[in-house]
Amino acid sequence: MGGLERPGKVVCVGRNYREHADELGHTLTPEPLLFLKPPSAVIGDGDAIVLPRLPAALSRIDYEGELVAIIGRPLHHASAETALDAVRGYTCGNDVTARDIQAAEEQWTRAKGFDTFCALGPRVTALDPSDVEIVTRVNGDVRQQGRTREMVVGVGELLAYISRCMTLEPGDAVFTGTPAGVGPLRDGDVVEVEIEGIGVLRNPVRSER
């Protein structure tokens, strides 16, 4: 797993970039839309994203490049300012999603939770998350390009909001949303998520055998 320990929990936010919500035909929610990925989905830099065997009507698997915050100390009912102080580091993340399943089911656990659907790495300990570039490439072609200043809810505010629902604990990973440009992965692809000031998360893609 690229030297990154498996988090106790992975908390994600949907529709945190307006243009991404628009491209999927979704409306923005009044408050952040939260969901969880199981720790068993986590892989590291260089590990393969495995496309599960699914019926053709449910077979689209998408990349979603994201900035991820790694928690360093417990957060419970925190303010936005104190929440940022509790971040131990930041990493690149790929919130891999079974898009057809997500569209077909009212909740996203299965669509987001397959093994290998949570790629993380590398990590830095110091970063200002307010305005960094996120670029996702598939086979070298740029598919996503956005900046964290375009988030609907900033990182500090997002962590504070989550902490009012559940305690964030050391090692937890928080995905902060994906810019527009999501699209499908296919067997043999190589997907990269590059974040300014952090580095590149690179994962090959293969079909389940």
Protein backbone atom coordinates (compact mmCIF):
# COMPACT_ATOMS: atom_id res chain seq x y z
CA MET A 1 0.00 0.00 0.00
CA GLY A 2 2.80 2.41 -0.78
CA GLY A 3 3.75 2.87 2.89
CA LEU A 4 0.36 4.37 3.79
CA GLU A 5 -1.34 2.61 6.67
CA ARG A 6 -4.93 1.46 6.19
CA PRO A 7 -7.29 4.03 7.74
CA GLY A 8 -9.82 3.12 10.39
CA LYS A 9 -12.50 4.70 8.24
CA VAL A 10 -12.71 6.52 4.94
CA VAL A 11 -15.18 9.40 4.84
CA CYS A 12 -16.07 10.96 1.49
CA VAL A 13 -18.15 13.89 0.26
CA GLY A 14 -20.18 13.94 -2.91
CA ARG A 15 -21.01 16.89 -5.15
CA ASN A 16 -18.41 19.23 -3.64
CA TYR A 17 -17.55 20.73 -7.03
CA ARG A 18 -20.44 22.41 -8.84
CA GLU A 19 -19.30 21.43 -12.35
CA HIS A 20 -18.99 17.76 -11.34
CA ALA A 21 -22.53 17.77 -9.97
CA ASP A 22 -23.69 19.37 -13.22
CA GLU A 23 -21.98 16.78 -15.43
CA LEU A 24 -23.85 13.96 -13.69
CA GLY A 25 -27.15 15.85 -13.66
CA HIS A 26 -27.17 16.19 -9.88
CA THR A 27 -28.25 19.17 -7.81
CA LEU A 28 -26.14 20.53 -4.97
CA THR A 29 -27.36 19.57 -1.52
CA PRO A 30 -27.88 22.18 1.22
CA GLU A 31 -25.26 20.44 3.38
CA PRO A 32 -22.30 18.19 2.44
CA LEU A 33 -23.36 14.78 1.14
CA LEU A 34 -21.36 12.19 3.10
CA PHE A 35 -20.70 8.52 2.43
CA LEU A 36 -18.18 5.90 3.60
CA LYS A 37 -15.80 3.54 1.87
CA PRO A 38 -14.70 0.37 3.68
CA PRO A 39 -11.02 0.16 4.70
CA SER A 40 -10.87 -3.11 2.74
CA ALA A 41 -11.15 -1.05 -0.47
CA VAL A 42 -7.85 0.77 0.18
CA ILE A 43 -4.85 0.23 -2.09
CA GLY A 44 -1.63 2.19 -2.48
CA ASP A 45 0.43 3.76 -5.21
CA GLY A 46 1.29 1.19 -7.87
CA ASP A 47 -1.37 -1.31 -6.82
CA ALA A 48 -3.90 -2.45 -9.40
CA ILE A 49 -7.47 -1.19 -9.54
CA VAL A 50 -9.47 -4.32 -10.30
CA LEU A 51 -12.62 -4.01 -12.40
CA PRO A 52 -15.16 -6.45 -10.93
CA ARG A 53 -17.14 -8.88 -13.07
CA LEU A 54 -20.54 -7.22 -13.46
CA PRO A 55 -23.48 -7.46 -15.88
CA ALA A 56 -22.96 -5.25 -18.92
CA ALA A 57 -25.68 -2.85 -17.76
CA LEU A 58 -23.77 -2.20 -14.53
CA SER A 59 -20.20 -2.32 -15.80
CA ARG A 60 -19.06 1.33 -15.99
CA ILE A 61 -16.26 1.97 -13.48
CA ASP A 62 -15.12 5.61 -13.15
CA TYR A 63 -12.04 7.38 -11.78
CA GLU A 64 -12.47 10.35 -9.43
CA GLY A 65 -9.28 12.20 -8.50
CA GLU A 66 -9.41 13.93 -5.12
CA LEU A 67 -7.43 15.67 -2.40
CA VAL A 68 -7.53 13.54 0.77
CA ALA A 69 -6.86 14.73 4.32
CA ILE A 70 -5.32 12.29 6.82
CA ILE A 71 -6.37 12.96 10.41
CA GLY A 72 -3.68 13.27 13.08
CA ARG A 73 -5.65 13.69 16.30
CA PRO A 74 -9.29 13.15 17.33
CA LEU A 75 -11.80 15.67 16.02
CA HIS A 76 -15.19 16.01 17.70
CA HIS A 77 -17.41 19.05 17.24
CA ALA A 78 -14.46 21.00 15.91
CA SER A 79 -14.35 24.43 14.32
CA ALA A 80 -13.01 24.86 10.79
CA GLU A 81 -9.81 26.39 12.16
CA THR A 82 -9.09 23.71 14.75
CA ALA A 83 -10.02 21.00 12.24
CA LEU A 84 -7.22 22.00 9.88
CA ASP A 85 -4.77 21.99 12.78
CA ALA A 86 -5.64 18.32 13.39
CA VAL A 87 -4.68 17.19 9.88
CA ARG A 88 -1.53 15.04 9.88
CA GLY A 89 -1.03 15.16 6.14
CA TYR A 90 -2.55 15.20 2.69
CA THR A 91 -2.49 12.63 -0.06
CA CYS A 92 -3.81 11.96 -3.55
CA GLY A 93 -6.91 9.80 -3.74
CA ASN A 94 -8.92 8.02 -6.41
CA ASP A 95 -12.53 7.45 -5.36
CA VAL A 96 -13.20 4.67 -7.87
CA THR A 97 -16.94 4.33 -8.49
CA ALA A 98 -19.23 1.79 -10.15
CA ARG A 99 -21.25 4.52 -11.85
CA ASP A 100 -24.15 2.39 -13.14
CA ILE A 101 -24.64 0.85 -9.70
CA GLN A 102 -24.52 4.29 -8.10
CA ALA A 103 -27.26 5.47 -10.46
CA ALA A 104 -29.39 2.36 -9.88
CA GLU A 105 -29.26 2.23 -6.07
CA GLU A 106 -30.47 4.78 -3.54
CA GLN A 107 -27.34 4.52 -1.41
CA TRP A 108 -23.76 4.25 -2.59
CA THR A 109 -22.17 1.56 -0.43
CA ARG A 110 -21.84 -1.06 -3.15
CA ALA A 111 -20.92 1.41 -5.89
CA LYS A 112 -18.07 2.83 -3.82
CA GLY A 113 -17.03 -0.18 -1.79
CA PHE A 114 -15.56 -2.85 -4.06
CA ASP A 115 -12.06 -4.04 -3.22
CA THR A 116 -9.39 -1.72 -4.73
CA PHE A 117 -11.88 1.18 -5.15
CA CYS A 118 -9.97 3.49 -2.77
CA ALA A 119 -6.46 4.32 -4.01
CA LEU A 120 -4.26 6.52 -1.78
CA GLY A 121 -0.74 7.96 -1.98
CA PRO A 122 1.78 9.58 -1.82
CA ARG A 123 1.53 11.78 1.29
CA VAL A 124 2.96 15.09 2.51
CA THR A 125 2.76 16.53 6.00
CA ALA A 126 2.57 20.22 5.09
CA LEU A 127 0.18 21.70 2.52
CA ASP A 128 -2.19 24.65 2.24
CA PRO A 129 -5.28 22.88 0.86
CA SER A 130 -7.14 26.05 -0.10
CA ASP A 131 -5.91 26.33 -3.70
CA VAL A 132 -3.96 23.45 -5.21
CA GLU A 133 -4.39 21.90 -8.65
CA ILE A 134 -5.81 18.40 -9.12
CA VAL A 135 -5.12 16.64 -12.43
CA THR A 136 -6.27 13.15 -13.40
CA ARG A 137 -4.79 11.39 -16.42
CA VAL A 138 -5.68 8.13 -18.10
CA ASN A 139 -2.90 6.71 -20.27
CA GLY A 140 -1.24 10.12 -20.19
CA ASP A 141 -4.32 12.05 -21.39
CA VAL A 142 -5.67 14.73 -19.05
CA ARG A 143 -9.26 13.94 -18.06
CA GLN A 144 -9.75 16.12 -14.96
CA GLN A 145 -8.17 19.47 -14.14
CA GLY A 146 -9.43 21.59 -11.28
CA ARG A 147 -8.38 23.54 -8.22
CA THR A 148 -9.43 23.09 -4.61
CA ARG A 149 -10.56 26.73 -4.45
CA GLU A 150 -13.52 25.55 -6.58
CA MET A 151 -14.87 23.36 -3.75
CA VAL A 152 -18.37 24.20 -2.56
CA VAL A 153 -17.26 23.52 1.03
CA GLY A 154 -13.59 24.03 1.91
CA VAL A 155 -11.47 21.43 3.66
CA GLY A 156 -11.62 22.96 7.14
CA GLU A 157 -15.36 23.48 7.01
CA LEU A 158 -15.86 19.97 5.67
CA LEU A 159 -13.83 18.37 8.47
CA ALA A 160 -15.70 20.42 11.06
CA TYR A 161 -19.05 19.35 9.58
CA ILE A 162 -18.06 15.66 9.63
CA SER A 163 -16.83 15.98 13.23
CA ARG A 164 -20.30 17.08 14.31
CA CYS A 165 -21.65 13.77 12.98
CA MET A 166 -18.87 11.32 13.86
CA THR A 167 -15.56 11.57 15.67
CA LEU A 168 -12.65 11.62 13.24
CA GLU A 169 -9.78 9.58 14.63
CA PRO A 170 -6.04 9.46 13.90
CA GLY A 171 -5.36 7.78 10.59
CA ASP A 172 -8.85 8.35 9.17
CA ALA A 173 -8.89 9.48 5.53
CA VAL A 174 -11.29 12.17 4.31
CA PHE A 175 -11.91 12.52 0.57
CA THR A 176 -12.88 16.11 -0.24
CA GLY A 177 -14.67 15.77 -3.60
CA THR A 178 -13.77 15.49 -7.26
CA PRO A 179 -13.69 18.09 -10.05
CA ALA A 180 -15.55 17.68 -13.34
CA GLY A 181 -14.28 15.27 -15.98
CA VAL A 182 -14.95 11.85 -14.46
CA GLY A 183 -15.07 8.95 -16.87
CA PRO A 184 -14.67 5.20 -17.31
CA LEU A 185 -11.66 2.98 -16.75
CA ARG A 186 -10.88 -0.05 -18.89
CA ASP A 187 -8.68 -3.10 -18.63
CA GLY A 188 -5.07 -2.12 -19.38
CA ASP A 189 -5.44 1.57 -18.51
CA VAL A 190 -3.05 3.43 -16.23
CA VAL A 191 -4.72 6.15 -14.17
CA GLU A 192 -2.79 8.94 -12.45
CA VAL A 193 -3.94 11.52 -9.93
CA GLU A 194 -1.48 14.39 -9.53
CA ILE A 195 -1.94 17.07 -6.90
CA GLU A 196 0.20 20.17 -6.73
CA GLY A 197 2.57 20.03 -3.77
CA ILE A 198 1.99 16.31 -3.16
CA GLY A 199 2.97 14.20 -6.15
CA VAL A 200 1.43 11.51 -8.34
CA LEU A 201 -0.72 8.50 -7.45
CA ARG A 202 -0.42 5.97 -10.27
CA ASN A 203 -2.43 2.74 -10.58
CA PRO A 204 -2.74 0.19 -13.38
CA VAL A 205 -6.22 -1.09 -14.15
CA ARG A 206 -7.09 -4.72 -14.85
CA SER A 207 -10.21 -6.81 -15.09
CA GLU A 208 -11.06 -9.31 -12.36
CA ARG A 209 -9.78 -12.75 -13.21
